[in-house]
PDB file of N, CA and C in Angstrom:
ATOM      1  N   MET A   1       0.841  -1.181   0.000  1.00  0.00           N
ATOM      2  CA  MET A   1       0.000   0.000   0.000  1.00  0.00           C
ATOM      3  C   MET A   1       0.882   1.238   0.000  1.00  0.00           C
ATOM      4  N   SER A   2       0.349   2.286  -0.560  1.00  0.00           N
ATOM      5  CA  SER A   2       1.128   3.517  -0.620  1.00  0.00           C
ATOM      6  C   SER A   2       1.173   4.185   0.752  1.00  0.00           C
ATOM      7  N   SER A   3       2.254   4.871   0.960  1.00  0.00           N
ATOM      8  CA  SER A   3       2.462   5.547   2.240  1.00  0.00           C
ATOM      9  C   SER A   3       2.240   7.045   2.067  1.00  0.00           C
ATOM     10  N   GLU A   4       1.672   7.663   3.072  1.00  0.00           N
ATOM     11  CA  GLU A   4       1.479   9.104   3.111  1.00  0.00           C
ATOM     12  C   GLU A   4       2.116   9.613   4.393  1.00  0.00           C
ATOM     13  N   THR A   5       2.269  10.930   4.491  1.00  0.00           N
ATOM     14  CA  THR A   5       2.829  11.527   5.694  1.00  0.00           C
ATOM     15  C   THR A   5       1.881  12.594   6.208  1.00  0.00           C
ATOM     16  N   LEU A   6       1.507  12.469   7.461  1.00  0.00           N
ATOM     17  CA  LEU A   6       0.695  13.496   8.114  1.00  0.00           C
ATOM     18  C   LEU A   6       1.650  14.485   8.760  1.00  0.00           C
ATOM     19  N   LYS A   7       1.506  15.752   8.399  1.00  0.00           N
ATOM     20  CA  LYS A   7       2.321  16.803   9.007  1.00  0.00           C
ATOM     21  C   LYS A   7       1.442  17.555  10.006  1.00  0.00           C
ATOM     22  N   ILE A   8       1.907  17.597  11.234  1.00  0.00           N
ATOM     23  CA  ILE A   8       1.184  18.306  12.285  1.00  0.00           C
ATOM     24  C   ILE A   8       2.043  19.493  12.713  1.00  0.00           C
ATOM     25  N   GLU A   9       1.507  20.684  12.558  1.00  0.00           N
ATOM     26  CA  GLU A   9       2.191  21.894  13.006  1.00  0.00           C
ATOM     27  C   GLU A   9       1.757  22.162  14.445  1.00  0.00           C
ATOM     28  N   ILE A  10       2.721  22.122  15.357  1.00  0.00           N
ATOM     29  CA  ILE A  10       2.410  22.263  16.775  1.00  0.00           C
ATOM     30  C   ILE A  10       3.092  23.515  17.313  1.00  0.00           C
ATOM     31  N   SER A  11       2.294  24.397  17.901  1.00  0.00           N
ATOM     32  CA  SER A  11       2.850  25.627  18.476  1.00  0.00           C
ATOM     33  C   SER A  11       2.527  25.673  19.965  1.00  0.00           C
ATOM     34  N   TRP A  12       3.276  26.504  20.670  1.00  0.00           N
ATOM     35  CA  TRP A  12       3.076  26.656  22.110  1.00  0.00           C
ATOM     36  C   TRP A  12       3.237  28.112  22.465  1.00  0.00           C
ATOM     37  N   PRO A  13       2.668  28.525  23.610  1.00  0.00           N
ATOM     38  CA  PRO A  13       2.719  29.927  24.005  1.00  0.00           C
ATOM     39  C   PRO A  13       4.158  30.405  24.222  1.00  0.00           C
ATOM     40  N   ALA A  14       4.412  31.654  23.876  1.00  0.00           N
ATOM     41  CA  ALA A  14       5.743  32.241  24.079  1.00  0.00           C
ATOM     42  C   ALA A  14       6.117  32.243  25.555  1.00  0.00           C
ATOM     43  N   SER A  15       5.123  32.246  26.424  1.00  0.00           N
ATOM     44  CA  SER A  15       5.380  32.259  27.866  1.00  0.00           C
ATOM     45  C   SER A  15       5.862  30.907  28.399  1.00  0.00           C
ATOM     46  N   MET A  16       5.739  29.839  27.579  1.00  0.00           N
ATOM     47  CA  MET A  16       6.165  28.513  28.018  1.00  0.00           C
ATOM     48  C   MET A  16       7.683  28.385  27.855  1.00  0.00           C
ATOM     49  N   THR A  17       8.363  28.032  28.928  1.00  0.00           N
ATOM     50  CA  THR A  17       9.810  27.843  28.886  1.00  0.00           C
ATOM     51  C   THR A  17      10.123  26.492  28.257  1.00  0.00           C
ATOM     52  N   VAL A  18      10.860  26.533  27.150  1.00  0.00           N
ATOM     53  CA  VAL A  18      11.235  25.308  26.448  1.00  0.00           C
ATOM     54  C   VAL A  18      12.759  25.277  26.367  1.00  0.00           C
ATOM     55  N   PRO A  19      13.407  24.418  27.155  1.00  0.00           N
ATOM     56  CA  PRO A  19      14.867  24.375  27.170  1.00  0.00           C
ATOM     57  C   PRO A  19      15.459  23.839  25.863  1.00  0.00           C
ATOM     58  N   ALA A  20      16.698  24.214  25.598  1.00  0.00           N
ATOM     59  CA  ALA A  20      17.405  23.691  24.428  1.00  0.00           C
ATOM     60  C   ALA A  20      17.441  22.176  24.508  1.00  0.00           C
ATOM     61  N   GLY A  21      17.242  21.533  23.379  1.00  0.00           N
ATOM     62  CA  GLY A  21      17.251  20.076  23.326  1.00  0.00           C
ATOM     63  C   GLY A  21      15.888  19.443  23.559  1.00  0.00           C
ATOM     64  N   ALA A  22      14.852  20.249  23.794  1.00  0.00           N
ATOM     65  CA  ALA A  22      13.507  19.712  24.003  1.00  0.00           C
ATOM     66  C   ALA A  22      12.954  19.155  22.689  1.00  0.00           C
ATOM     67  N   THR A  23      11.993  18.261  22.807  1.00  0.00           N
ATOM     68  CA  THR A  23      11.331  17.677  21.637  1.00  0.00           C
ATOM     69  C   THR A  23       9.820  17.827  21.774  1.00  0.00           C
ATOM     70  N   ILE A  24       9.157  17.769  20.633  1.00  0.00           N
ATOM     71  CA  ILE A  24       7.702  17.674  20.612  1.00  0.00           C
ATOM     72  C   ILE A  24       7.397  16.214  20.280  1.00  0.00           C
ATOM     73  N   ASN A  25       6.494  15.612  21.027  1.00  0.00           N
ATOM     74  CA  ASN A  25       6.219  14.171  20.914  1.00  0.00           C
ATOM     75  C   ASN A  25       4.719  13.917  20.818  1.00  0.00           C
ATOM     76  N   ALA A  26       4.371  12.835  20.137  1.00  0.00           N
ATOM     77  CA  ALA A  26       2.960  12.444  20.068  1.00  0.00           C
ATOM     78  C   ALA A  26       2.850  11.025  19.539  1.00  0.00           C
ATOM     79  N   GLN A  27       1.800  10.350  19.940  1.00  0.00           N
ATOM     80  CA  GLN A  27       1.388   9.099  19.320  1.00  0.00           C
ATOM     81  C   GLN A  27       0.208   9.443  18.436  1.00  0.00           C
ATOM     82  N   LEU A  28       0.122   8.822  17.288  1.00  0.00           N
ATOM     83  CA  LEU A  28      -0.999   9.054  16.384  1.00  0.00           C
ATOM     84  C   LEU A  28      -1.890   7.822  16.374  1.00  0.00           C
ATOM     85  N   TRP A  29      -3.176   8.060  16.560  1.00  0.00           N
ATOM     86  CA  TRP A  29      -4.175   7.001  16.551  1.00  0.00           C
ATOM     87  C   TRP A  29      -5.179   7.288  15.445  1.00  0.00           C
ATOM     88  N   ALA A  30      -5.760   6.253  14.879  1.00  0.00           N
ATOM     89  CA  ALA A  30      -6.877   6.390  13.955  1.00  0.00           C
ATOM     90  C   ALA A  30      -8.094   5.806  14.659  1.00  0.00           C
ATOM     91  N   GLY A  31      -9.248   6.430  14.452  1.00  0.00           N
ATOM     92  CA  GLY A  31     -10.465   5.938  15.095  1.00  0.00           C
ATOM     93  C   GLY A  31     -11.686   6.644  14.558  1.00  0.00           C
ATOM     94  N   ASN A  32     -12.708   6.698  15.383  1.00  0.00           N
ATOM     95  CA  ASN A  32     -13.917   7.403  14.990  1.00  0.00           C
ATOM     96  C   ASN A  32     -13.983   8.733  15.745  1.00  0.00           C
ATOM     97  N   ALA A  33     -15.115   9.414  15.706  1.00  0.00           N
ATOM     98  CA  ALA A  33     -15.234  10.727  16.347  1.00  0.00           C
ATOM     99  C   ALA A  33     -15.082  10.653  17.863  1.00  0.00           C
ATOM    100  N   SER A  34     -15.341   9.478  18.452  1.00  0.00           N
ATOM    101  CA  SER A  34     -15.319   9.340  19.906  1.00  0.00           C
ATOM    102  C   SER A  34     -13.991   8.873  20.469  1.00  0.00           C
ATOM    103  N   ALA A  35     -13.299   7.997  19.754  1.00  0.00           N
ATOM    104  CA  ALA A  35     -12.091   7.394  20.333  1.00  0.00           C
ATOM    105  C   ALA A  35     -11.130   6.923  19.256  1.00  0.00           C
ATOM    106  N   GLY A  36      -9.860   6.808  19.642  1.00  0.00           N
ATOM    107  CA  GLY A  36      -8.841   6.251  18.768  1.00  0.00           C
ATOM    108  C   GLY A  36      -8.711   4.761  19.031  1.00  0.00           C
ATOM    109  N   TYR A  37      -8.674   3.963  17.988  1.00  0.00           N
ATOM    110  CA  TYR A  37      -8.657   2.518  18.161  1.00  0.00           C
ATOM    111  C   TYR A  37      -7.419   1.832  17.623  1.00  0.00           C
ATOM    112  N   SER A  38      -6.704   2.446  16.682  1.00  0.00           N
ATOM    113  CA  SER A  38      -5.529   1.814  16.090  1.00  0.00           C
ATOM    114  C   SER A  38      -4.349   2.764  16.181  1.00  0.00           C
ATOM    115  N   LEU A  39      -3.303   2.327  16.863  1.00  0.00           N
ATOM    116  CA  LEU A  39      -2.084   3.111  16.964  1.00  0.00           C
ATOM    117  C   LEU A  39      -1.350   3.051  15.634  1.00  0.00           C
ATOM    118  N   ILE A  40      -0.938   4.202  15.138  1.00  0.00           N
ATOM    119  CA  ILE A  40      -0.163   4.272  13.898  1.00  0.00           C
ATOM    120  C   ILE A  40       1.299   4.382  14.301  1.00  0.00           C
ATOM    121  N   GLY A  41       2.090   3.405  13.922  1.00  0.00           N
ATOM    122  CA  GLY A  41       3.489   3.348  14.328  1.00  0.00           C
ATOM    123  C   GLY A  41       3.605   2.634  15.669  1.00  0.00           C
ATOM    124  N   ASP A  42       4.835   2.473  16.133  1.00  0.00           N
ATOM    125  CA  ASP A  42       5.070   1.707  17.352  1.00  0.00           C
ATOM    126  C   ASP A  42       5.279   2.557  18.591  1.00  0.00           C
ATOM    127  N   LEU A  43       5.871   3.718  18.420  1.00  0.00           N
ATOM    128  CA  LEU A  43       6.241   4.559  19.554  1.00  0.00           C
ATOM    129  C   LEU A  43       5.815   5.986  19.304  1.00  0.00           C
ATOM    130  N   ASP A  44       6.163   6.853  20.253  1.00  0.00           N
ATOM    131  CA  ASP A  44       5.946   8.273  20.030  1.00  0.00           C
ATOM    132  C   ASP A  44       6.775   8.737  18.841  1.00  0.00           C
ATOM    133  N   SER A  45       6.196   9.585  18.027  1.00  0.00           N
ATOM    134  CA  SER A  45       6.957  10.288  17.005  1.00  0.00           C
ATOM    135  C   SER A  45       7.469  11.546  17.668  1.00  0.00           C
ATOM    136  N   SER A  46       8.623  12.032  17.229  1.00  0.00           N
ATOM    137  CA  SER A  46       9.159  13.236  17.854  1.00  0.00           C
ATOM    138  C   SER A  46       9.908  14.085  16.840  1.00  0.00           C
ATOM    139  N   ALA A  47      10.051  15.356  17.182  1.00  0.00           N
ATOM    140  CA  ALA A  47      10.806  16.314  16.379  1.00  0.00           C
ATOM    141  C   ALA A  47      11.412  17.329  17.336  1.00  0.00           C
ATOM    142  N   ALA A  48      12.479  17.957  16.906  1.00  0.00           N
ATOM    143  CA  ALA A  48      13.112  18.989  17.727  1.00  0.00           C
ATOM    144  C   ALA A  48      12.132  20.138  17.946  1.00  0.00           C
ATOM    145  N   ALA A  49      12.129  20.654  19.176  1.00  0.00           N
ATOM    146  CA  ALA A  49      11.264  21.788  19.528  1.00  0.00           C
ATOM    147  C   ALA A  49      12.129  23.034  19.675  1.00  0.00           C
ATOM    148  N   ASP A  50      12.886  23.323  18.599  1.00  0.00           N
ATOM    149  CA  ASP A  50      13.795  24.468  18.626  1.00  0.00           C
ATOM    150  C   ASP A  50      13.052  25.795  18.637  1.00  0.00           C
ATOM    151  N   SER A  51      11.906  25.846  17.955  1.00  0.00           N
ATOM    152  CA  SER A  51      11.105  27.070  17.913  1.00  0.00           C
ATOM    153  C   SER A  51       9.660  26.696  17.634  1.00  0.00           C
ATOM    154  N   SER A  52       8.783  27.588  18.005  1.00  0.00           N
ATOM    155  CA  SER A  52       7.350  27.371  17.794  1.00  0.00           C
ATOM    156  C   SER A  52       6.934  28.113  16.527  1.00  0.00           C
ATOM    157  N   PRO A  53       6.226  27.462  15.626  1.00  0.00           N
ATOM    158  CA  PRO A  53       5.741  26.086  15.675  1.00  0.00           C
ATOM    159  C   PRO A  53       6.813  25.090  15.219  1.00  0.00           C
ATOM    160  N   ALA A  54       6.632  23.847  15.640  1.00  0.00           N
ATOM    161  CA  ALA A  54       7.468  22.738  15.191  1.00  0.00           C
ATOM    162  C   ALA A  54       6.586  21.824  14.332  1.00  0.00           C
ATOM    163  N   ILE A  55       7.213  21.126  13.409  1.00  0.00           N
ATOM    164  CA  ILE A  55       6.471  20.232  12.526  1.00  0.00           C
ATOM    165  C   ILE A  55       6.796  18.783  12.888  1.00  0.00           C
ATOM    166  N   LEU A  56       5.758  18.047  13.170  1.00  0.00           N
ATOM    167  CA  LEU A  56       5.879  16.620  13.441  1.00  0.00           C
ATOM    168  C   LEU A  56       5.366  15.888  12.202  1.00  0.00           C
ATOM    169  N   GLU A  57       6.162  14.989  11.649  1.00  0.00           N
ATOM    170  CA  GLU A  57       5.780  14.239  10.455  1.00  0.00           C
ATOM    171  C   GLU A  57       5.638  12.769  10.808  1.00  0.00           C
ATOM    172  N   ILE A  58       4.453  12.212  10.540  1.00  0.00           N
ATOM    173  CA  ILE A  58       4.175  10.824  10.900  1.00  0.00           C
ATOM    174  C   ILE A  58       3.704  10.083   9.645  1.00  0.00           C
ATOM    175  N   PRO A  59       4.486   9.085   9.201  1.00  0.00           N
ATOM    176  CA  PRO A  59       4.068   8.307   8.030  1.00  0.00           C
ATOM    177  C   PRO A  59       2.942   7.333   8.391  1.00  0.00           C
ATOM    178  N   TYR A  60       2.049   7.112   7.438  1.00  0.00           N
ATOM    179  CA  TYR A  60       0.966   6.144   7.628  1.00  0.00           C
ATOM    180  C   TYR A  60       0.554   5.608   6.267  1.00  0.00           C
ATOM    181  N   SER A  61      -0.167   4.509   6.274  1.00  0.00           N
ATOM    182  CA  SER A  61      -0.689   3.931   5.033  1.00  0.00           C
ATOM    183  C   SER A  61      -2.200   3.784   5.163  1.00  0.00           C
ATOM    184  N   GLN A  62      -2.839   3.500   4.065  1.00  0.00           N
ATOM    185  CA  GLN A  62      -4.289   3.284   4.087  1.00  0.00           C
ATOM    186  C   GLN A  62      -4.634   2.109   4.996  1.00  0.00           C
ATOM    187  N   GLU A  63      -3.733   1.138   5.093  1.00  0.00           N
ATOM    188  CA  GLU A  63      -3.951  -0.014   5.970  1.00  0.00           C
ATOM    189  C   GLU A  63      -4.065   0.432   7.434  1.00  0.00           C
ATOM    190  N   ASP A  64      -3.320   1.485   7.812  1.00  0.00           N
ATOM    191  CA  ASP A  64      -3.386   2.007   9.179  1.00  0.00           C
ATOM    192  C   ASP A  64      -4.756   2.590   9.505  1.00  0.00           C
ATOM    193  N   LEU A  65      -5.522   2.926   8.470  1.00  0.00           N
ATOM    194  CA  LEU A  65      -6.827   3.546   8.675  1.00  0.00           C
ATOM    195  C   LEU A  65      -7.957   2.532   8.701  1.00  0.00           C
ATOM    196  N   GLN A  66      -7.602   1.240   8.751  1.00  0.00           N
ATOM    197  CA  GLN A  66      -8.584   0.162   8.811  1.00  0.00           C
ATOM    198  C   GLN A  66      -8.605  -0.446  10.209  1.00  0.00           C
ATOM    199  N   SER A  67      -9.776  -0.922  10.620  1.00  0.00           N
ATOM    200  CA  SER A  67      -9.866  -1.651  11.880  1.00  0.00           C
ATOM    201  C   SER A  67      -9.098  -2.962  11.744  1.00  0.00           C
ATOM    202  N   HIS A  68      -8.809  -3.588  12.880  1.00  0.00           N
ATOM    203  CA  HIS A  68      -8.037  -4.834  12.854  1.00  0.00           C
ATOM    204  C   HIS A  68      -8.744  -5.947  12.083  1.00  0.00           C
ATOM    205  N   ASP A  69     -10.088  -5.927  12.084  1.00  0.00           N
ATOM    206  CA  ASP A  69     -10.807  -6.957  11.326  1.00  0.00           C
ATOM    207  C   ASP A  69     -11.029  -6.546   9.867  1.00  0.00           C
ATOM    208  N   GLY A  70     -10.617  -5.311   9.508  1.00  0.00           N
ATOM    209  CA  GLY A  70     -10.719  -4.849   8.130  1.00  0.00           C
ATOM    210  C   GLY A  70     -12.114  -4.443   7.696  1.00  0.00           C
ATOM    211  N   LYS A  71     -13.062  -4.425   8.623  1.00  0.00           N
ATOM    212  CA  LYS A  71     -14.452  -4.117   8.260  1.00  0.00           C
ATOM    213  C   LYS A  71     -14.803  -2.646   8.413  1.00  0.00           C
ATOM    214  N   THR A  72     -13.976  -1.898   9.115  1.00  0.00           N
ATOM    215  CA  THR A  72     -14.271  -0.487   9.376  1.00  0.00           C
ATOM    216  C   THR A  72     -13.102   0.373   8.918  1.00  0.00           C
ATOM    217  N   THR A  73     -13.403   1.457   8.232  1.00  0.00           N
ATOM    218  CA  THR A  73     -12.384   2.440   7.890  1.00  0.00           C
ATOM    219  C   THR A  73     -12.533   3.594   8.870  1.00  0.00           C
ATOM    220  N   TRP A  74     -11.451   3.895   9.592  1.00  0.00           N
ATOM    221  CA  TRP A  74     -11.483   4.986  10.560  1.00  0.00           C
ATOM    222  C   TRP A  74     -11.520   6.320   9.828  1.00  0.00           C
ATOM    223  N   ASP A  75     -12.161   7.306  10.445  1.00  0.00           N
ATOM    224  CA  ASP A  75     -12.302   8.601   9.780  1.00  0.00           C
ATOM    225  C   ASP A  75     -11.746   9.770  10.584  1.00  0.00           C
ATOM    226  N   TYR A  76     -11.062   9.493  11.696  1.00  0.00           N
ATOM    227  CA  TYR A  76     -10.442  10.554  12.507  1.00  0.00           C
ATOM    228  C   TYR A  76      -9.036  10.165  12.922  1.00  0.00           C
ATOM    229  N   PHE A  77      -8.169  11.185  13.013  1.00  0.00           N
ATOM    230  CA  PHE A  77      -6.882  11.040  13.679  1.00  0.00           C
ATOM    231  C   PHE A  77      -7.048  11.571  15.095  1.00  0.00           C
ATOM    232  N   HIS A  78      -6.368  10.956  16.059  1.00  0.00           N
ATOM    233  CA  HIS A  78      -6.362  11.391  17.456  1.00  0.00           C
ATOM    234  C   HIS A  78      -4.910  11.474  17.915  1.00  0.00           C
ATOM    235  N   THR A  79      -4.593  12.462  18.750  1.00  0.00           N
ATOM    236  CA  THR A  79      -3.256  12.570  19.331  1.00  0.00           C
ATOM    237  C   THR A  79      -3.306  13.419  20.595  1.00  0.00           C
ATOM    238  N   SER A  80      -2.260  13.370  21.369  1.00  0.00           N
ATOM    239  CA  SER A  80      -2.095  14.203  22.575  1.00  0.00           C
ATOM    240  C   SER A  80      -0.641  14.679  22.625  1.00  0.00           C
ATOM    241  N   PRO A  81      -0.302  15.687  21.829  1.00  0.00           N
ATOM    242  CA  PRO A  81       1.101  16.107  21.752  1.00  0.00           C
ATOM    243  C   PRO A  81       1.596  16.744  23.048  1.00  0.00           C
ATOM    244  N   TYR A  82       2.895  16.564  23.284  1.00  0.00           N
ATOM    245  CA  TYR A  82       3.494  17.162  24.481  1.00  0.00           C
ATOM    246  C   TYR A  82       4.961  17.493  24.222  1.00  0.00           C
ATOM    247  N   LEU A  83       5.452  18.488  24.934  1.00  0.00           N
ATOM    248  CA  LEU A  83       6.869  18.857  24.908  1.00  0.00           C
ATOM    249  C   LEU A  83       7.582  18.046  25.975  1.00  0.00           C
ATOM    250  N   ALA A  84       8.828  17.638  25.687  1.00  0.00           N
ATOM    251  CA  ALA A  84       9.591  16.852  26.656  1.00  0.00           C
ATOM    252  C   ALA A  84      11.053  17.292  26.642  1.00  0.00           C
ATOM    253  N   HIS A  85      11.680  17.131  27.805  1.00  0.00           N
ATOM    254  CA  HIS A  85      13.113  17.396  27.945  1.00  0.00           C
ATOM    255  C   HIS A  85      13.636  16.546  29.090  1.00  0.00           C
ATOM    256  N   ASP A  86      14.762  15.870  28.873  1.00  0.00           N
ATOM    257  CA  ASP A  86      15.355  14.990  29.887  1.00  0.00           C
ATOM    258  C   ASP A  86      14.338  13.995  30.446  1.00  0.00           C
ATOM    259  N   ASN A  87      13.551  13.373  29.560  1.00  0.00           N
ATOM    260  CA  ASN A  87      12.542  12.373  29.927  1.00  0.00           C
ATOM    261  C   ASN A  87      11.446  12.911  30.838  1.00  0.00           C
ATOM    262  N   LYS A  88      11.214  14.214  30.813  1.00  0.00           N
ATOM    263  CA  LYS A  88      10.144  14.830  31.600  1.00  0.00           C
ATOM    264  C   LYS A  88       9.229  15.607  30.663  1.00  0.00           C
ATOM    265  N   ARG A  89       7.942  15.488  30.904  1.00  0.00           N
ATOM    266  CA  ARG A  89       6.970  16.257  30.128  1.00  0.00           C
ATOM    267  C   ARG A  89       6.946  17.694  30.640  1.00  0.00           C
ATOM    268  N   LEU A  90       6.882  18.630  29.698  1.00  0.00           N
ATOM    269  CA  LEU A  90       6.863  20.045  30.057  1.00  0.00           C
ATOM    270  C   LEU A  90       5.448  20.619  30.072  1.00  0.00           C
ATOM    271  N   ASN A  91       4.491  19.880  29.550  1.00  0.00           N
ATOM    272  CA  ASN A  91       3.102  20.337  29.527  1.00  0.00           C
ATOM    273  C   ASN A  91       2.180  19.119  29.570  1.00  0.00           C
ATOM    274  N   ILE A  92       0.931  19.347  29.853  1.00  0.00           N
ATOM    275  CA  ILE A  92      -0.079  18.286  29.816  1.00  0.00           C
ATOM    276  C   ILE A  92      -0.479  18.096  28.358  1.00  0.00           C
ATOM    277  N   GLY A  93      -0.514  16.865  27.880  1.00  0.00           N
ATOM    278  CA  GLY A  93      -0.905  16.572  26.505  1.00  0.00           C
ATOM    279  C   GLY A  93      -2.408  16.375  26.414  1.00  0.00           C
ATOM    280  N   TYR A  94      -3.121  17.409  25.990  1.00  0.00           N
ATOM    281  CA  TYR A  94      -4.580  17.312  25.859  1.00  0.00           C
ATOM    282  C   TYR A  94      -4.951  16.602  24.567  1.00  0.00           C
ATOM    283  N   ALA A  95      -5.989  15.785  24.625  1.00  0.00           N
ATOM    284  CA  ALA A  95      -6.432  15.028  23.454  1.00  0.00           C
ATOM    285  C   ALA A  95      -6.921  15.969  22.364  1.00  0.00           C
ATOM    286  N   GLN A  96      -6.500  15.679  21.149  1.00  0.00           N
ATOM    287  CA  GLN A  96      -6.892  16.437  19.963  1.00  0.00           C
ATOM    288  C   GLN A  96      -7.404  15.446  18.928  1.00  0.00           C
ATOM    289  N   LYS A  97      -8.334  15.871  18.096  1.00  0.00           N
ATOM    290  CA  LYS A  97      -8.780  15.010  17.005  1.00  0.00           C
ATOM    291  C   LYS A  97      -9.115  15.875  15.796  1.00  0.00           C
ATOM    292  N   ILE A  98      -9.035  15.251  14.625  1.00  0.00           N
ATOM    293  CA  ILE A  98      -9.368  15.925  13.371  1.00  0.00           C
ATOM    294  C   ILE A  98      -9.823  14.849  12.393  1.00  0.00           C
ATOM    295  N   SER A  99     -10.758  15.196  11.528  1.00  0.00           N
ATOM    296  CA  SER A  99     -11.164  14.207  10.526  1.00  0.00           C
ATOM    297  C   SER A  99      -9.991  13.987   9.572  1.00  0.00           C
ATOM    298  N   ILE A 100      -9.845  12.778   9.125  1.00  0.00           N
ATOM    299  CA  ILE A 100      -8.751  12.440   8.224  1.00  0.00           C
ATOM    300  C   ILE A 100      -8.879  13.241   6.935  1.00  0.00           C
ATOM    301  N   ALA A 101     -10.108  13.405   6.445  1.00  0.00           N
ATOM    302  CA  ALA A 101     -10.318  14.180   5.217  1.00  0.00           C
ATOM    303  C   ALA A 101      -9.855  15.624   5.399  1.00  0.00           C
ATOM    304  N   GLU A 102     -10.169  16.238   6.537  1.00  0.00           N
ATOM    305  CA  GLU A 102      -9.750  17.622   6.793  1.00  0.00           C
ATOM    306  C   GLU A 102      -8.233  17.710   6.930  1.00  0.00           C
ATOM    307  N   ALA A 103      -7.625  16.756   7.619  1.00  0.00           N
ATOM    308  CA  ALA A 103      -6.163  16.760   7.783  1.00  0.00           C
ATOM    309  C   ALA A 103      -5.469  16.654   6.428  1.00  0.00           C
ATOM    310  N   LYS A 104      -5.987  15.812   5.545  1.00  0.00           N
ATOM    311  CA  LYS A 104      -5.394  15.674   4.216  1.00  0.00           C
ATOM    312  C   LYS A 104      -5.569  16.950   3.404  1.00  0.00           C
ATOM    313  N   ALA A 105      -6.723  17.575   3.521  1.00  0.00           N
ATOM    314  CA  ALA A 105      -7.016  18.763   2.713  1.00  0.00           C
ATOM    315  C   ALA A 105      -6.323  20.024   3.230  1.00  0.00           C
ATOM    316  N   ASN A 106      -6.285  20.202   4.549  1.00  0.00           N
ATOM    317  CA  ASN A 106      -5.826  21.468   5.123  1.00  0.00           C
ATOM    318  C   ASN A 106      -4.649  21.351   6.065  1.00  0.00           C
ATOM    319  N   GLY A 107      -4.156  20.157   6.316  1.00  0.00           N
ATOM    320  CA  GLY A 107      -3.107  19.986   7.310  1.00  0.00           C
ATOM    321  C   GLY A 107      -3.706  20.045   8.697  1.00  0.00           C
ATOM    322  N   TRP A 108      -2.856  19.907   9.702  1.00  0.00           N
ATOM    323  CA  TRP A 108      -3.333  19.890  11.094  1.00  0.00           C
ATOM    324  C   TRP A 108      -2.467  20.822  11.900  1.00  0.00           C
ATOM    325  N   LYS A 109      -3.099  21.811  12.500  1.00  0.00           N
ATOM    326  CA  LYS A 109      -2.392  22.762  13.369  1.00  0.00           C
ATOM    327  C   LYS A 109      -2.939  22.622  14.774  1.00  0.00           C
ATOM    328  N   ILE A 110      -2.030  22.444  15.726  1.00  0.00           N
ATOM    329  CA  ILE A 110      -2.417  22.271  17.124  1.00  0.00           C
ATOM    330  C   ILE A 110      -1.685  23.319  17.963  1.00  0.00           C
ATOM    331  N   ASN A 111      -2.419  23.971  18.848  1.00  0.00           N
ATOM    332  CA  ASN A 111      -1.834  24.920  19.789  1.00  0.00           C
ATOM    333  C   ASN A 111      -1.837  24.289  21.169  1.00  0.00           C
ATOM    334  N   LEU A 112      -0.644  24.114  21.746  1.00  0.00           N
ATOM    335  CA  LEU A 112      -0.551  23.595  23.097  1.00  0.00           C
ATOM    336  C   LEU A 112      -0.994  24.660  24.086  1.00  0.00           C
ATOM    337  N   ARG A 113      -1.474  24.203  25.223  1.00  0.00           N
ATOM    338  CA  ARG A 113      -1.904  25.130  26.273  1.00  0.00           C
ATOM    339  C   ARG A 113      -0.810  25.326  27.269  1.00  0.00           C
TER     340      ARG A 113
END
């Protein structure tokens, strides 16, 4: 199956202290409007958090958007991005979701609190 890449632009308030060497991290899930059911990839994806916004790129395939039994196609991405440094989270990762169609058409921009 062909592979695509979801680019998530993640920004944080200027008032948030982000030390050098920090990363932006997230797990990407596919699911329905209520919940994420299939983890895309094995671990957290991460990118350097040198400046806001940072871009997180997560590869996925159409197979990732199917339920394990193959009978349902998921229509939402779910994630809870967070900043980290020295194995410590710098913020609370609030759950975010977007329809897959909207993410493909317009990209995904998330503002951390």
